[in-house]
Amino acid sequence: SDTEFWDKMQAEWEEMARRNWISENQEAPGQVTISTTEKGYYFHTENPFKDWPGAFEEGLKKMKEGDLPVTILYLEAAILQEPNDAEAWQFLGITQAENENEQAAIVALQR
């Protein structure tokens, strides 16, 4: 039901706040921040697409195909190449939410 869904979302949000998952100094295994301007979002360190030309466009193609994990890697690569690309951050947040990674989705969408 809708009430159960929103209760669960509230509980998850409170847990994130309690654990400071949205803090600036969080360490996460396998991920790393790229600079102080990307506070709170932790990128995959083993991203094979980090230097891929046209990473954003490739990410959109993979999104249409429904390949969420690869889409995330392409969008992260696009942001590593252009940290102020608001559209890439937006699509990354949406994709993280669809991939049920709410913490990363929230931080990306806040950017």
Protein backbone atom coordinates (compact mmCIF):
# COMPACT_ATOMS: atom_id res chain seq x y z
CA SER A 1 0.00 0.00 0.00
CA ASP A 2 0.99 3.64 -0.34
CA THR A 3 1.24 4.08 3.42
CA GLU A 4 3.67 1.17 3.75
CA PHE A 5 5.78 2.54 0.90
CA TRP A 6 6.06 6.01 2.42
CA ASP A 7 6.71 4.60 5.90
CA LYS A 8 9.56 2.55 4.44
CA MET A 9 10.95 5.58 2.60
CA GLN A 10 10.81 7.64 5.82
CA ALA A 11 12.60 4.89 7.74
CA GLU A 12 15.31 4.66 5.05
CA TRP A 13 15.77 8.44 5.06
CA GLU A 14 16.10 8.49 8.84
CA GLU A 15 18.64 5.65 8.67
CA MET A 16 20.66 7.56 6.06
CA ALA A 17 20.66 10.64 8.27
CA ARG A 18 21.64 8.56 11.31
CA ARG A 19 24.56 7.00 9.47
CA ASN A 20 25.55 10.28 7.80
CA TRP A 21 25.32 8.62 4.37
CA ILE A 22 24.80 12.02 2.84
CA SER A 23 27.79 13.55 4.59
CA GLU A 24 30.78 15.09 2.85
CA ASN A 25 33.41 12.72 4.26
CA GLN A 26 31.90 9.28 3.78
CA GLU A 27 34.26 6.50 2.70
CA ALA A 28 32.79 3.67 0.63
CA PRO A 29 34.71 0.62 -0.58
CA GLY A 30 35.10 0.47 -4.37
CA GLN A 31 34.12 4.09 -4.82
CA VAL A 32 35.87 7.43 -4.49
CA THR A 33 34.94 11.10 -4.75
CA ILE A 34 36.57 13.00 -7.59
CA SER A 35 36.80 16.41 -5.99
CA THR A 36 35.37 18.61 -3.29
CA THR A 37 32.69 19.85 -5.69
CA GLU A 38 31.20 16.35 -5.90
CA LYS A 39 30.76 15.94 -2.16
CA GLY A 40 28.66 13.00 -1.14
CA TYR A 41 28.63 11.00 -4.39
CA TYR A 42 31.07 8.12 -4.60
CA PHE A 43 32.08 7.01 -8.07
CA HIS A 44 33.11 3.49 -9.00
CA THR A 45 36.92 3.37 -9.02
CA GLU A 46 37.08 0.57 -11.60
CA ASN A 47 35.07 2.30 -14.32
CA PRO A 48 36.17 0.99 -17.74
CA PHE A 49 34.42 3.94 -19.44
CA LYS A 50 36.08 6.78 -17.51
CA ASP A 51 37.88 8.07 -20.62
CA TRP A 52 35.20 7.02 -23.14
CA PRO A 53 34.42 9.73 -25.72
CA GLY A 54 30.69 10.40 -25.82
CA ALA A 55 30.07 8.64 -22.50
CA PHE A 56 26.85 10.58 -21.87
CA GLU A 57 25.31 9.59 -25.20
CA GLU A 58 26.35 5.95 -24.68
CA GLY A 59 24.78 6.07 -21.23
CA LEU A 60 21.48 7.26 -22.70
CA LYS A 61 21.57 4.39 -25.23
CA LYS A 62 22.18 1.85 -22.48
CA MET A 63 19.39 3.42 -20.42
CA LYS A 64 16.93 2.88 -23.29
CA GLU A 65 18.12 -0.75 -23.47
CA GLY A 66 17.42 -1.14 -19.76
CA ASP A 67 21.01 -1.95 -18.77
CA LEU A 68 21.08 0.08 -15.55
CA PRO A 69 24.52 -0.94 -14.17
CA VAL A 70 26.27 -0.08 -17.45
CA THR A 71 24.21 3.11 -17.78
CA ILE A 72 25.46 4.18 -14.35
CA LEU A 73 29.08 3.57 -15.33
CA TYR A 74 28.69 5.62 -18.54
CA LEU A 75 26.95 8.48 -16.74
CA GLU A 76 29.57 8.50 -13.99
CA ALA A 77 32.23 8.64 -16.72
CA ALA A 78 30.44 11.57 -18.35
CA ILE A 79 30.39 13.41 -15.02
CA LEU A 80 34.06 12.65 -14.39
CA GLN A 81 34.75 14.29 -17.76
CA GLU A 82 32.36 17.22 -17.19
CA PRO A 83 31.59 17.61 -13.45
CA ASN A 84 29.10 20.48 -13.94
CA ASP A 85 26.87 18.68 -16.47
CA ALA A 86 23.49 19.04 -14.73
CA GLU A 87 21.73 16.81 -17.26
CA ALA A 88 24.21 13.97 -16.66
CA TRP A 89 23.71 14.33 -12.88
CA GLN A 90 19.93 14.25 -13.38
CA PHE A 91 20.01 11.09 -15.50
CA LEU A 92 22.48 9.50 -13.07
CA GLY A 93 20.12 10.20 -10.18
CA ILE A 94 17.13 8.81 -12.05
CA THR A 95 19.06 5.70 -13.05
CA GLN A 96 20.34 5.14 -9.52
CA ALA A 97 16.76 5.37 -8.25
CA GLU A 98 15.57 2.87 -10.86
CA ASN A 99 18.46 0.62 -9.80
CA GLU A 100 17.17 0.88 -6.20
CA ASN A 101 20.22 2.76 -4.92
CA GLU A 102 18.32 5.53 -3.20
CA GLN A 103 21.30 7.08 -1.38
CA ALA A 104 23.27 7.60 -4.58
CA ALA A 105 20.12 8.80 -6.36
CA ILE A 106 19.44 11.46 -3.74
CA VAL A 107 23.00 12.78 -3.79
CA ALA A 108 23.15 12.84 -7.61
CA LEU A 109 19.82 14.61 -7.90
CA GLN A 110 20.90 17.18 -5.33
CA ARG A 111 23.83 18.05 -7.58
